[in-house]
Amino acid sequence: PDVAQQVLAAGHRLGNHTHRHLSGWRHPR
């Protein structure tokens, strides 16, 4: 979380890449 805070403190934006880096083709909805 400290690295994520560095990203925000530098003026950048965070986005969602799923919690476990899941493929939408292989996992049930």
mmCIF file of all heavy atoms, coordinates in Angstrom:
data_MODEL
# 
_entry.id   MODEL 
# 
loop_
_atom_site.group_PDB 
_atom_site.id 
_atom_site.type_symbol 
_atom_site.label_atom_id 
_atom_site.label_alt_id 
_atom_site.label_comp_id 
_atom_site.label_asym_id 
_atom_site.label_entity_id 
_atom_site.label_seq_id 
_atom_site.pdbx_PDB_ins_code 
_atom_site.Cartn_x 
_atom_site.Cartn_y 
_atom_site.Cartn_z 
_atom_site.occupancy 
_atom_site.B_iso_or_equiv 
_atom_site.pdbx_formal_charge 
_atom_site.auth_seq_id 
_atom_site.auth_comp_id 
_atom_site.auth_asym_id 
_atom_site.auth_atom_id 
_atom_site.pdbx_PDB_model_num 
ATOM 1   N N   . PRO A 1 1  ? 0.823   -1.226  0.000   1.00 0.00 ? 1  PRO A N   1 
ATOM 2   C CA  . PRO A 1 1  ? 0.000   0.000   0.000   1.00 0.00 ? 1  PRO A CA  1 
ATOM 3   C C   . PRO A 1 1  ? 0.851   1.266   0.000   1.00 0.00 ? 1  PRO A C   1 
ATOM 4   O O   . PRO A 1 1  ? 0.432   2.297   -0.521  1.00 0.00 ? 1  PRO A O   1 
ATOM 5   C CB  . PRO A 1 1  ? -0.825  -0.125  1.291   1.00 0.00 ? 1  PRO A CB  1 
ATOM 6   C CG  . PRO A 1 1  ? -0.022  -1.048  2.161   1.00 0.00 ? 1  PRO A CG  1 
ATOM 7   C CD  . PRO A 1 1  ? 0.630   -2.019  1.229   1.00 0.00 ? 1  PRO A CD  1 
ATOM 8   N N   . ASP A 1 2  ? 2.057   1.175   0.554   1.00 0.00 ? 2  ASP A N   1 
ATOM 9   C CA  . ASP A 1 2  ? 2.936   2.349   0.578   1.00 0.00 ? 2  ASP A CA  1 
ATOM 10  C C   . ASP A 1 2  ? 3.371   2.744   -0.835  1.00 0.00 ? 2  ASP A C   1 
ATOM 11  O O   . ASP A 1 2  ? 3.499   3.939   -1.134  1.00 0.00 ? 2  ASP A O   1 
ATOM 12  C CB  . ASP A 1 2  ? 4.166   2.074   1.445   1.00 0.00 ? 2  ASP A CB  1 
ATOM 13  C CG  . ASP A 1 2  ? 4.932   0.833   1.009   1.00 0.00 ? 2  ASP A CG  1 
ATOM 14  O OD1 . ASP A 1 2  ? 4.296   -0.157  0.584   1.00 0.00 ? 2  ASP A OD1 1 
ATOM 15  O OD2 . ASP A 1 2  ? 6.175   0.818   1.090   1.00 0.00 ? 2  ASP A OD2 1 
ATOM 16  N N   . VAL A 1 3  ? 3.577   1.754   -1.711  1.00 0.00 ? 3  VAL A N   1 
ATOM 17  C CA  . VAL A 1 3  ? 3.954   2.058   -3.095  1.00 0.00 ? 3  VAL A CA  1 
ATOM 18  C C   . VAL A 1 3  ? 2.772   2.692   -3.826  1.00 0.00 ? 3  VAL A C   1 
ATOM 19  O O   . VAL A 1 3  ? 2.934   3.633   -4.602  1.00 0.00 ? 3  VAL A O   1 
ATOM 20  C CB  . VAL A 1 3  ? 4.442   0.794   -3.821  1.00 0.00 ? 3  VAL A CB  1 
ATOM 21  C CG1 . VAL A 1 3  ? 4.860   1.128   -5.253  1.00 0.00 ? 3  VAL A CG1 1 
ATOM 22  C CG2 . VAL A 1 3  ? 5.607   0.164   -3.071  1.00 0.00 ? 3  VAL A CG2 1 
ATOM 23  N N   . ALA A 1 4  ? 1.560   2.190   -3.560  1.00 0.00 ? 4  ALA A N   1 
ATOM 24  C CA  . ALA A 1 4  ? 0.366   2.793   -4.160  1.00 0.00 ? 4  ALA A CA  1 
ATOM 25  C C   . ALA A 1 4  ? 0.215   4.245   -3.719  1.00 0.00 ? 4  ALA A C   1 
ATOM 26  O O   . ALA A 1 4  ? -0.159  5.116   -4.518  1.00 0.00 ? 4  ALA A O   1 
ATOM 27  C CB  . ALA A 1 4  ? -0.876  1.989   -3.787  1.00 0.00 ? 4  ALA A CB  1 
ATOM 28  N N   . GLN A 1 5  ? 0.517   4.521   -2.467  1.00 0.00 ? 5  GLN A N   1 
ATOM 29  C CA  . GLN A 1 5  ? 0.446   5.898   -1.974  1.00 0.00 ? 5  GLN A CA  1 
ATOM 30  C C   . GLN A 1 5  ? 1.475   6.780   -2.670  1.00 0.00 ? 5  GLN A C   1 
ATOM 31  O O   . GLN A 1 5  ? 1.216   7.964   -2.934  1.00 0.00 ? 5  GLN A O   1 
ATOM 32  C CB  . GLN A 1 5  ? 0.667   5.926   -0.461  1.00 0.00 ? 5  GLN A CB  1 
ATOM 33  C CG  . GLN A 1 5  ? -0.461  5.297   0.358   1.00 0.00 ? 5  GLN A CG  1 
ATOM 34  C CD  . GLN A 1 5  ? -1.712  6.182   0.400   1.00 0.00 ? 5  GLN A CD  1 
ATOM 35  O OE1 . GLN A 1 5  ? -1.808  7.190   -0.291  1.00 0.00 ? 5  GLN A OE1 1 
ATOM 36  N NE2 . GLN A 1 5  ? -2.683  5.793   1.204   1.00 0.00 ? 5  GLN A NE2 1 
ATOM 37  N N   . GLN A 1 6  ? 2.639   6.233   -2.997  1.00 0.00 ? 6  GLN A N   1 
ATOM 38  C CA  . GLN A 1 6  ? 3.632   6.999   -3.743  1.00 0.00 ? 6  GLN A CA  1 
ATOM 39  C C   . GLN A 1 6  ? 3.092   7.387   -5.125  1.00 0.00 ? 6  GLN A C   1 
ATOM 40  O O   . GLN A 1 6  ? 3.339   8.501   -5.605  1.00 0.00 ? 6  GLN A O   1 
ATOM 41  C CB  . GLN A 1 6  ? 4.910   6.175   -3.907  1.00 0.00 ? 6  GLN A CB  1 
ATOM 42  C CG  . GLN A 1 6  ? 5.696   5.936   -2.632  1.00 0.00 ? 6  GLN A CG  1 
ATOM 43  C CD  . GLN A 1 6  ? 6.874   5.004   -2.872  1.00 0.00 ? 6  GLN A CD  1 
ATOM 44  O OE1 . GLN A 1 6  ? 7.507   5.023   -3.934  1.00 0.00 ? 6  GLN A OE1 1 
ATOM 45  N NE2 . GLN A 1 6  ? 7.170   4.165   -1.891  1.00 0.00 ? 6  GLN A NE2 1 
ATOM 46  N N   . VAL A 1 7  ? 2.388   6.452   -5.752  1.00 0.00 ? 7  VAL A N   1 
ATOM 47  C CA  . VAL A 1 7  ? 1.802   6.729   -7.072  1.00 0.00 ? 7  VAL A CA  1 
ATOM 48  C C   . VAL A 1 7  ? 0.818   7.890   -6.972  1.00 0.00 ? 7  VAL A C   1 
ATOM 49  O O   . VAL A 1 7  ? 0.851   8.828   -7.781  1.00 0.00 ? 7  VAL A O   1 
ATOM 50  C CB  . VAL A 1 7  ? 1.106   5.469   -7.625  1.00 0.00 ? 7  VAL A CB  1 
ATOM 51  C CG1 . VAL A 1 7  ? 0.352   5.783   -8.912  1.00 0.00 ? 7  VAL A CG1 1 
ATOM 52  C CG2 . VAL A 1 7  ? 2.125   4.354   -7.864  1.00 0.00 ? 7  VAL A CG2 1 
ATOM 53  N N   . LEU A 1 8  ? -0.050  7.841   -5.980  1.00 0.00 ? 8  LEU A N   1 
ATOM 54  C CA  . LEU A 1 8  ? -1.048  8.903   -5.816  1.00 0.00 ? 8  LEU A CA  1 
ATOM 55  C C   . LEU A 1 8  ? -0.389  10.231  -5.443  1.00 0.00 ? 8  LEU A C   1 
ATOM 56  O O   . LEU A 1 8  ? -0.777  11.287  -5.954  1.00 0.00 ? 8  LEU A O   1 
ATOM 57  C CB  . LEU A 1 8  ? -2.056  8.500   -4.741  1.00 0.00 ? 8  LEU A CB  1 
ATOM 58  C CG  . LEU A 1 8  ? -2.981  7.331   -5.098  1.00 0.00 ? 8  LEU A CG  1 
ATOM 59  C CD1 . LEU A 1 8  ? -3.824  6.937   -3.890  1.00 0.00 ? 8  LEU A CD1 1 
ATOM 60  C CD2 . LEU A 1 8  ? -3.874  7.687   -6.281  1.00 0.00 ? 8  LEU A CD2 1 
ATOM 61  N N   . ALA A 1 9  ? 0.614   10.186  -4.573  1.00 0.00 ? 9  ALA A N   1 
ATOM 62  C CA  . ALA A 1 9  ? 1.282   11.418  -4.150  1.00 0.00 ? 9  ALA A CA  1 
ATOM 63  C C   . ALA A 1 9  ? 1.968   12.116  -5.319  1.00 0.00 ? 9  ALA A C   1 
ATOM 64  O O   . ALA A 1 9  ? 2.132   13.347  -5.313  1.00 0.00 ? 9  ALA A O   1 
ATOM 65  C CB  . ALA A 1 9  ? 2.294   11.112  -3.048  1.00 0.00 ? 9  ALA A CB  1 
ATOM 66  N N   . ALA A 1 10 ? 2.345   11.334  -6.339  1.00 0.00 ? 10 ALA A N   1 
ATOM 67  C CA  . ALA A 1 10 ? 2.998   11.909  -7.517  1.00 0.00 ? 10 ALA A CA  1 
ATOM 68  C C   . ALA A 1 10 ? 1.992   12.430  -8.542  1.00 0.00 ? 10 ALA A C   1 
ATOM 69  O O   . ALA A 1 10 ? 2.392   12.926  -9.599  1.00 0.00 ? 10 ALA A O   1 
ATOM 70  C CB  . ALA A 1 10 ? 3.898   10.861  -8.170  1.00 0.00 ? 10 ALA A CB  1 
ATOM 71  N N   . GLY A 1 11 ? 0.698   12.326  -8.243  1.00 0.00 ? 11 GLY A N   1 
ATOM 72  C CA  . GLY A 1 11 ? -0.318  12.909  -9.112  1.00 0.00 ? 11 GLY A CA  1 
ATOM 73  C C   . GLY A 1 11 ? -0.893  11.987  -10.156 1.00 0.00 ? 11 GLY A C   1 
ATOM 74  O O   . GLY A 1 11 ? -1.571  12.437  -11.083 1.00 0.00 ? 11 GLY A O   1 
ATOM 75  N N   . HIS A 1 12 ? -0.652  10.684  -10.006 1.00 0.00 ? 12 HIS A N   1 
ATOM 76  C CA  . HIS A 1 12 ? -1.160  9.725   -10.973 1.00 0.00 ? 12 HIS A CA  1 
ATOM 77  C C   . HIS A 1 12 ? -2.480  9.122   -10.491 1.00 0.00 ? 12 HIS A C   1 
ATOM 78  O O   . HIS A 1 12 ? -2.921  9.372   -9.373  1.00 0.00 ? 12 HIS A O   1 
ATOM 79  C CB  . HIS A 1 12 ? -0.121  8.631   -11.205 1.00 0.00 ? 12 HIS A CB  1 
ATOM 80  C CG  . HIS A 1 12 ? 1.229   9.173   -11.582 1.00 0.00 ? 12 HIS A CG  1 
ATOM 81  N ND1 . HIS A 1 12 ? 1.464   9.828   -12.771 1.00 0.00 ? 12 HIS A ND1 1 
ATOM 82  C CD2 . HIS A 1 12 ? 2.410   9.191   -10.904 1.00 0.00 ? 12 HIS A CD2 1 
ATOM 83  C CE1 . HIS A 1 12 ? 2.724   10.208  -12.820 1.00 0.00 ? 12 HIS A CE1 1 
ATOM 84  N NE2 . HIS A 1 12 ? 3.319   9.847   -11.699 1.00 0.00 ? 12 HIS A NE2 1 
ATOM 85  N N   . ARG A 1 13 ? -3.093  8.311   -11.346 1.00 0.00 ? 13 ARG A N   1 
ATOM 86  C CA  . ARG A 1 13 ? -4.381  7.704   -11.035 1.00 0.00 ? 13 ARG A CA  1 
ATOM 87  C C   . ARG A 1 13 ? -4.238  6.186   -10.958 1.00 0.00 ? 13 ARG A C   1 
ATOM 88  O O   . ARG A 1 13 ? -3.446  5.591   -11.696 1.00 0.00 ? 13 ARG A O   1 
ATOM 89  C CB  . ARG A 1 13 ? -5.421  8.079   -12.107 1.00 0.00 ? 13 ARG A CB  1 
ATOM 90  C CG  . ARG A 1 13 ? -6.839  7.646   -11.754 1.00 0.00 ? 13 ARG A CG  1 
ATOM 91  C CD  . ARG A 1 13 ? -7.847  8.148   -12.764 1.00 0.00 ? 13 ARG A CD  1 
ATOM 92  N NE  . ARG A 1 13 ? -9.200  7.747   -12.380 1.00 0.00 ? 13 ARG A NE  1 
ATOM 93  C CZ  . ARG A 1 13 ? -10.279 7.938   -13.131 1.00 0.00 ? 13 ARG A CZ  1 
ATOM 94  N NH1 . ARG A 1 13 ? -10.172 8.551   -14.309 1.00 0.00 ? 13 ARG A NH1 1 
ATOM 95  N NH2 . ARG A 1 13 ? -11.478 7.551   -12.711 1.00 0.00 ? 13 ARG A NH2 1 
ATOM 96  N N   . LEU A 1 14 ? -5.010  5.580   -10.068 1.00 0.00 ? 14 LEU A N   1 
ATOM 97  C CA  . LEU A 1 14 ? -5.037  4.128   -9.932  1.00 0.00 ? 14 LEU A CA  1 
ATOM 98  C C   . LEU A 1 14 ? -6.280  3.564   -10.601 1.00 0.00 ? 14 LEU A C   1 
ATOM 99  O O   . LEU A 1 14 ? -7.350  4.171   -10.570 1.00 0.00 ? 14 LEU A O   1 
ATOM 100 C CB  . LEU A 1 14 ? -5.042  3.716   -8.456  1.00 0.00 ? 14 LEU A CB  1 
ATOM 101 C CG  . LEU A 1 14 ? -3.900  4.226   -7.585  1.00 0.00 ? 14 LEU A CG  1 
ATOM 102 C CD1 . LEU A 1 14 ? -4.080  3.713   -6.155  1.00 0.00 ? 14 LEU A CD1 1 
ATOM 103 C CD2 . LEU A 1 14 ? -2.545  3.801   -8.131  1.00 0.00 ? 14 LEU A CD2 1 
ATOM 104 N N   . GLY A 1 15 ? -6.134  2.385   -11.193 1.00 0.00 ? 15 GLY A N   1 
ATOM 105 C CA  . GLY A 1 15 ? -7.256  1.679   -11.795 1.00 0.00 ? 15 GLY A CA  1 
ATOM 106 C C   . GLY A 1 15 ? -7.256  0.227   -11.354 1.00 0.00 ? 15 GLY A C   1 
ATOM 107 O O   . GLY A 1 15 ? -6.295  -0.286  -10.779 1.00 0.00 ? 15 GLY A O   1 
ATOM 108 N N   . ASN A 1 16 ? -8.346  -0.450  -11.641 1.00 0.00 ? 16 ASN A N   1 
ATOM 109 C CA  . ASN A 1 16 ? -8.603  -1.830  -11.208 1.00 0.00 ? 16 ASN A CA  1 
ATOM 110 C C   . ASN A 1 16 ? -8.088  -2.798  -12.268 1.00 0.00 ? 16 ASN A C   1 
ATOM 111 O O   . ASN A 1 16 ? -8.411  -2.686  -13.449 1.00 0.00 ? 16 ASN A O   1 
ATOM 112 C CB  . ASN A 1 16 ? -10.110 -1.980  -11.007 1.00 0.00 ? 16 ASN A CB  1 
ATOM 113 C CG  . ASN A 1 16 ? -10.512 -3.251  -10.309 1.00 0.00 ? 16 ASN A CG  1 
ATOM 114 O OD1 . ASN A 1 16 ? -9.933  -4.310  -10.520 1.00 0.00 ? 16 ASN A OD1 1 
ATOM 115 N ND2 . ASN A 1 16 ? -11.551 -3.158  -9.478  1.00 0.00 ? 16 ASN A ND2 1 
ATOM 116 N N   . HIS A 1 17 ? -7.314  -3.800  -11.825 1.00 0.00 ? 17 HIS A N   1 
ATOM 117 C CA  . HIS A 1 17 ? -6.809  -4.847  -12.722 1.00 0.00 ? 17 HIS A CA  1 
ATOM 118 C C   . HIS A 1 17 ? -7.170  -6.227  -12.158 1.00 0.00 ? 17 HIS A C   1 
ATOM 119 O O   . HIS A 1 17 ? -6.459  -7.199  -12.396 1.00 0.00 ? 17 HIS A O   1 
ATOM 120 C CB  . HIS A 1 17 ? -5.296  -4.697  -12.890 1.00 0.00 ? 17 HIS A CB  1 
ATOM 121 C CG  . HIS A 1 17 ? -4.735  -5.273  -14.150 1.00 0.00 ? 17 HIS A CG  1 
ATOM 122 N ND1 . HIS A 1 17 ? -5.323  -5.125  -15.388 1.00 0.00 ? 17 HIS A ND1 1 
ATOM 123 C CD2 . HIS A 1 17 ? -3.600  -6.005  -14.371 1.00 0.00 ? 17 HIS A CD2 1 
ATOM 124 C CE1 . HIS A 1 17 ? -4.586  -5.728  -16.307 1.00 0.00 ? 17 HIS A CE1 1 
ATOM 125 N NE2 . HIS A 1 17 ? -3.542  -6.283  -15.710 1.00 0.00 ? 17 HIS A NE2 1 
ATOM 126 N N   . THR A 1 18 ? -8.289  -6.269  -11.428 1.00 0.00 ? 18 THR A N   1 
ATOM 127 C CA  . THR A 1 18 ? -8.810  -7.416  -10.668 1.00 0.00 ? 18 THR A CA  1 
ATOM 128 C C   . THR A 1 18 ? -7.912  -7.714  -9.477  1.00 0.00 ? 18 THR A C   1 
ATOM 129 O O   . THR A 1 18 ? -6.761  -7.266  -9.417  1.00 0.00 ? 18 THR A O   1 
ATOM 130 C CB  . THR A 1 18 ? -9.012  -8.701  -11.521 1.00 0.00 ? 18 THR A CB  1 
ATOM 131 O OG1 . THR A 1 18 ? -7.763  -9.319  -11.784 1.00 0.00 ? 18 THR A OG1 1 
ATOM 132 C CG2 . THR A 1 18 ? -9.773  -8.391  -12.799 1.00 0.00 ? 18 THR A CG2 1 
ATOM 133 N N   . HIS A 1 19 ? -8.426  -8.478  -8.548  1.00 0.00 ? 19 HIS A N   1 
ATOM 134 C CA  . HIS A 1 19 ? -7.661  -8.755  -7.329  1.00 0.00 ? 19 HIS A CA  1 
ATOM 135 C C   . HIS A 1 19 ? -6.557  -9.776  -7.574  1.00 0.00 ? 19 HIS A C   1 
ATOM 136 O O   . HIS A 1 19 ? -5.456  -9.662  -7.036  1.00 0.00 ? 19 HIS A O   1 
ATOM 137 C CB  . HIS A 1 19 ? -8.593  -9.252  -6.225  1.00 0.00 ? 19 HIS A CB  1 
ATOM 138 C CG  . HIS A 1 19 ? -7.929  -9.315  -4.883  1.00 0.00 ? 19 HIS A CG  1 
ATOM 139 N ND1 . HIS A 1 19 ? -7.656  -8.187  -4.144  1.00 0.00 ? 19 HIS A ND1 1 
ATOM 140 C CD2 . HIS A 1 19 ? -7.448  -10.363 -4.160  1.00 0.00 ? 19 HIS A CD2 1 
ATOM 141 C CE1 . HIS A 1 19 ? -7.047  -8.534  -3.011  1.00 0.00 ? 19 HIS A CE1 1 
ATOM 142 N NE2 . HIS A 1 19 ? -6.907  -9.848  -3.010  1.00 0.00 ? 19 HIS A NE2 1 
ATOM 143 N N   . ARG A 1 20 ? -6.849  -10.783 -8.394  1.00 0.00 ? 20 ARG A N   1 
ATOM 144 C CA  . ARG A 1 20 ? -5.893  -11.887 -8.592  1.00 0.00 ? 20 ARG A CA  1 
ATOM 145 C C   . ARG A 1 20 ? -5.440  -12.021 -10.039 1.00 0.00 ? 20 ARG A C   1 
ATOM 146 O O   . ARG A 1 20 ? -4.971  -13.075 -10.446 1.00 0.00 ? 20 ARG A O   1 
ATOM 147 C CB  . ARG A 1 20 ? -6.512  -13.202 -8.107  1.00 0.00 ? 20 ARG A CB  1 
ATOM 148 C CG  . ARG A 1 20 ? -6.760  -13.260 -6.604  1.00 0.00 ? 20 ARG A CG  1 
ATOM 149 C CD  . ARG A 1 20 ? -7.506  -14.525 -6.221  1.00 0.00 ? 20 ARG A CD  1 
ATOM 150 N NE  . ARG A 1 20 ? -8.860  -14.516 -6.775  1.00 0.00 ? 20 ARG A NE  1 
ATOM 151 C CZ  . ARG A 1 20 ? -9.502  -15.611 -7.183  1.00 0.00 ? 20 ARG A CZ  1 
ATOM 152 N NH1 . ARG A 1 20 ? -8.911  -16.796 -7.128  1.00 0.00 ? 20 ARG A NH1 1 
ATOM 153 N NH2 . ARG A 1 20 ? -10.731 -15.521 -7.652  1.00 0.00 ? 20 ARG A NH2 1 
ATOM 154 N N   . HIS A 1 21 ? -5.593  -10.950 -10.826 1.00 0.00 ? 21 HIS A N   1 
ATOM 155 C CA  . HIS A 1 21 ? -5.156  -10.957 -12.234 1.00 0.00 ? 21 HIS A CA  1 
ATOM 156 C C   . HIS A 1 21 ? -5.853  -12.085 -13.003 1.00 0.00 ? 21 HIS A C   1 
ATOM 157 O O   . HIS A 1 21 ? -5.211  -12.935 -13.633 1.00 0.00 ? 21 HIS A O   1 
ATOM 158 C CB  . HIS A 1 21 ? -3.637  -11.097 -12.324 1.00 0.00 ? 21 HIS A CB  1 
ATOM 159 C CG  . HIS A 1 21 ? -3.076  -10.579 -13.621 1.00 0.00 ? 21 HIS A CG  1 
ATOM 160 N ND1 . HIS A 1 21 ? -2.825  -11.392 -14.710 1.00 0.00 ? 21 HIS A ND1 1 
ATOM 161 C CD2 . HIS A 1 21 ? -2.721  -9.323  -14.015 1.00 0.00 ? 21 HIS A CD2 1 
ATOM 162 C CE1 . HIS A 1 21 ? -2.329  -10.675 -15.708 1.00 0.00 ? 21 HIS A CE1 1 
ATOM 163 N NE2 . HIS A 1 21 ? -2.253  -9.409  -15.314 1.00 0.00 ? 21 HIS A NE2 1 
ATOM 164 N N   . LEU A 1 22 ? -7.165  -12.060 -12.990 1.00 0.00 ? 22 LEU A N   1 
ATOM 165 C CA  . LEU A 1 22 ? -7.960  -13.128 -13.588 1.00 0.00 ? 22 LEU A CA  1 
ATOM 166 C C   . LEU A 1 22 ? -8.216  -12.891 -15.069 1.00 0.00 ? 22 LEU A C   1 
ATOM 167 O O   . LEU A 1 22 ? -8.418  -11.762 -15.512 1.00 0.00 ? 22 LEU A O   1 
ATOM 168 C CB  . LEU A 1 22 ? -9.313  -13.238 -12.882 1.00 0.00 ? 22 LEU A CB  1 
ATOM 169 C CG  . LEU A 1 22 ? -9.310  -13.593 -11.402 1.00 0.00 ? 22 LEU A CG  1 
ATOM 170 C CD1 . LEU A 1 22 ? -10.745 -13.800 -10.928 1.00 0.00 ? 22 LEU A CD1 1 
ATOM 171 C CD2 . LEU A 1 22 ? -8.461  -14.826 -11.116 1.00 0.00 ? 22 LEU A CD2 1 
ATOM 172 N N   . SER A 1 23 ? -8.258  -13.981 -15.809 1.00 0.00 ? 23 SER A N   1 
ATOM 173 C CA  . SER A 1 23 ? -8.674  -13.940 -17.206 1.00 0.00 ? 23 SER A CA  1 
ATOM 174 C C   . SER A 1 23 ? -10.194 -14.034 -17.287 1.00 0.00 ? 23 SER A C   1 
ATOM 175 O O   . SER A 1 23 ? -10.795 -14.955 -16.725 1.00 0.00 ? 23 SER A O   1 
ATOM 176 C CB  . SER A 1 23 ? -8.056  -15.114 -17.978 1.00 0.00 ? 23 SER A CB  1 
ATOM 177 O OG  . SER A 1 23 ? -8.683  -15.266 -19.235 1.00 0.00 ? 23 SER A OG  1 
ATOM 178 N N   . GLY A 1 24 ? -10.800 -13.080 -17.990 1.00 0.00 ? 24 GLY A N   1 
ATOM 179 C CA  . GLY A 1 24 ? -12.249 -13.098 -18.149 1.00 0.00 ? 24 GLY A CA  1 
ATOM 180 C C   . GLY A 1 24 ? -12.739 -14.214 -19.050 1.00 0.00 ? 24 GLY A C   1 
ATOM 181 O O   . GLY A 1 24 ? -13.943 -14.464 -19.128 1.00 0.00 ? 24 GLY A O   1 
ATOM 182 N N   . TRP A 1 25 ? -11.824 -14.888 -19.737 1.00 0.00 ? 25 TRP A N   1 
ATOM 183 C CA  . TRP A 1 25 ? -12.215 -16.004 -20.589 1.00 0.00 ? 25 TRP A CA  1 
ATOM 184 C C   . TRP A 1 25 ? -12.292 -17.318 -19.809 1.00 0.00 ? 25 TRP A C   1 
ATOM 185 O O   . TRP A 1 25 ? -12.924 -18.265 -20.256 1.00 0.00 ? 25 TRP A O   1 
ATOM 186 C CB  . TRP A 1 25 ? -11.203 -16.198 -21.720 1.00 0.00 ? 25 TRP A CB  1 
ATOM 187 C CG  . TRP A 1 25 ? -11.162 -15.097 -22.713 1.00 0.00 ? 25 TRP A CG  1 
ATOM 188 C CD1 . TRP A 1 25 ? -11.990 -14.003 -22.777 1.00 0.00 ? 25 TRP A CD1 1 
ATOM 189 C CD2 . TRP A 1 25 ? -10.246 -14.953 -23.799 1.00 0.00 ? 25 TRP A CD2 1 
ATOM 190 N NE1 . TRP A 1 25 ? -11.641 -13.193 -23.822 1.00 0.00 ? 25 TRP A NE1 1 
ATOM 191 C CE2 . TRP A 1 25 ? -10.576 -13.755 -24.481 1.00 0.00 ? 25 TRP A CE2 1 
ATOM 192 C CE3 . TRP A 1 25 ? -9.181  -15.724 -24.257 1.00 0.00 ? 25 TRP A CE3 1 
ATOM 193 C CZ2 . TRP A 1 25 ? -9.867  -13.316 -25.593 1.00 0.00 ? 25 TRP A CZ2 1 
ATOM 194 C CZ3 . TRP A 1 25 ? -8.473  -15.292 -25.367 1.00 0.00 ? 25 TRP A CZ3 1 
ATOM 195 C CH2 . TRP A 1 25 ? -8.815  -14.100 -26.027 1.00 0.00 ? 25 TRP A CH2 1 
ATOM 196 N N   . ARG A 1 26 ? -11.625 -17.377 -18.669 1.00 0.00 ? 26 ARG A N   1 
ATOM 197 C CA  . ARG A 1 26 ? -11.482 -18.650 -17.969 1.00 0.00 ? 26 ARG A CA  1 
ATOM 198 C C   . ARG A 1 26 ? -12.258 -18.740 -16.664 1.00 0.00 ? 26 ARG A C   1 
ATOM 199 O O   . ARG A 1 26 ? -12.427 -19.839 -16.137 1.00 0.00 ? 26 ARG A O   1 
ATOM 200 C CB  . ARG A 1 26 ? -10.002 -18.899 -17.676 1.00 0.00 ? 26 ARG A CB  1 
ATOM 201 C CG  . ARG A 1 26 ? -9.135  -19.027 -18.920 1.00 0.00 ? 26 ARG A CG  1 
ATOM 202 C CD  . ARG A 1 26 ? -7.668  -19.214 -18.549 1.00 0.00 ? 26 ARG A CD  1 
ATOM 203 N NE  . ARG A 1 26 ? -7.472  -20.357 -17.659 1.00 0.00 ? 26 ARG A NE  1 
ATOM 204 C CZ  . ARG A 1 26 ? -6.340  -20.607 -17.025 1.00 0.00 ? 26 ARG A CZ  1 
ATOM 205 N NH1 . ARG A 1 26 ? -5.311  -19.782 -17.166 1.00 0.00 ? 26 ARG A NH1 1 
ATOM 206 N NH2 . ARG A 1 26 ? -6.232  -21.656 -16.239 1.00 0.00 ? 26 ARG A NH2 1 
ATOM 207 N N   . HIS A 1 27 ? -12.722 -17.614 -16.132 1.00 0.00 ? 27 HIS A N   1 
ATOM 208 C CA  . HIS A 1 27 ? -13.380 -17.629 -14.829 1.00 0.00 ? 27 HIS A CA  1 
ATOM 209 C C   . HIS A 1 27 ? -14.861 -17.306 -14.976 1.00 0.00 ? 27 HIS A C   1 
ATOM 210 O O   . HIS A 1 27 ? -15.236 -16.395 -15.714 1.00 0.00 ? 27 HIS A O   1 
ATOM 211 C CB  . HIS A 1 27 ? -12.709 -16.631 -13.876 1.00 0.00 ? 27 HIS A CB  1 
ATOM 212 C CG  . HIS A 1 27 ? -11.344 -17.064 -13.447 1.00 0.00 ? 27 HIS A CG  1 
ATOM 213 N ND1 . HIS A 1 27 ? -10.233 -16.855 -14.230 1.00 0.00 ? 27 HIS A ND1 1 
ATOM 214 C CD2 . HIS A 1 27 ? -10.913 -17.718 -12.334 1.00 0.00 ? 27 HIS A CD2 1 
ATOM 215 C CE1 . HIS A 1 27 ? -9.164  -17.351 -13.607 1.00 0.00 ? 27 HIS A CE1 1 
ATOM 216 N NE2 . HIS A 1 27 ? -9.549  -17.874 -12.475 1.00 0.00 ? 27 HIS A NE2 1 
ATOM 217 N N   . PRO A 1 28 ? -15.716 -18.034 -14.281 1.00 0.00 ? 28 PRO A N   1 
ATOM 218 C CA  . PRO A 1 28 ? -17.158 -17.764 -14.330 1.00 0.00 ? 28 PRO A CA  1 
ATOM 219 C C   . PRO A 1 28 ? -17.457 -16.322 -13.922 1.00 0.00 ? 28 PRO A C   1 
ATOM 220 O O   . PRO A 1 28 ? -16.753 -15.734 -13.094 1.00 0.00 ? 28 PRO A O   1 
ATOM 221 C CB  . PRO A 1 28 ? -17.746 -18.762 -13.324 1.00 0.00 ? 28 PRO A CB  1 
ATOM 222 C CG  . PRO A 1 28 ? -16.719 -19.845 -13.215 1.00 0.00 ? 28 PRO A CG  1 
ATOM 223 C CD  . PRO A 1 28 ? -15.398 -19.175 -13.398 1.00 0.00 ? 28 PRO A CD  1 
ATOM 224 N N   . ARG A 1 29 ? -18.513 -15.789 -14.507 1.00 0.00 ? 29 ARG A N   1 
ATOM 225 C CA  . ARG A 1 29 ? -18.817 -14.373 -14.295 1.00 0.00 ? 29 ARG A CA  1 
ATOM 226 C C   . ARG A 1 29 ? -18.992 -14.006 -12.826 1.00 0.00 ? 29 ARG A C   1 
ATOM 227 O O   . ARG A 1 29 ? -18.440 -12.987 -12.391 1.00 0.00 ? 29 ARG A O   1 
ATOM 228 C CB  . ARG A 1 29 ? -20.068 -13.985 -15.104 1.00 0.00 ? 29 ARG A CB  1 
ATOM 229 C CG  . ARG A 1 29 ? -20.430 -12.520 -14.948 1.00 0.00 ? 29 ARG A CG  1 
ATOM 230 C CD  . ARG A 1 29 ? -21.457 -12.055 -15.956 1.00 0.00 ? 29 ARG A CD  1 
ATOM 231 N NE  . ARG A 1 29 ? -22.619 -12.909 -16.019 1.00 0.00 ? 29 ARG A NE  1 
ATOM 232 C CZ  . ARG A 1 29 ? -23.732 -12.600 -16.672 1.00 0.00 ? 29 ARG A CZ  1 
ATOM 233 N NH1 . ARG A 1 29 ? -23.813 -11.468 -17.328 1.00 0.00 ? 29 ARG A NH1 1 
ATOM 234 N NH2 . ARG A 1 29 ? -24.758 -13.416 -16.689 1.00 0.00 ? 29 ARG A NH2 1 
# 
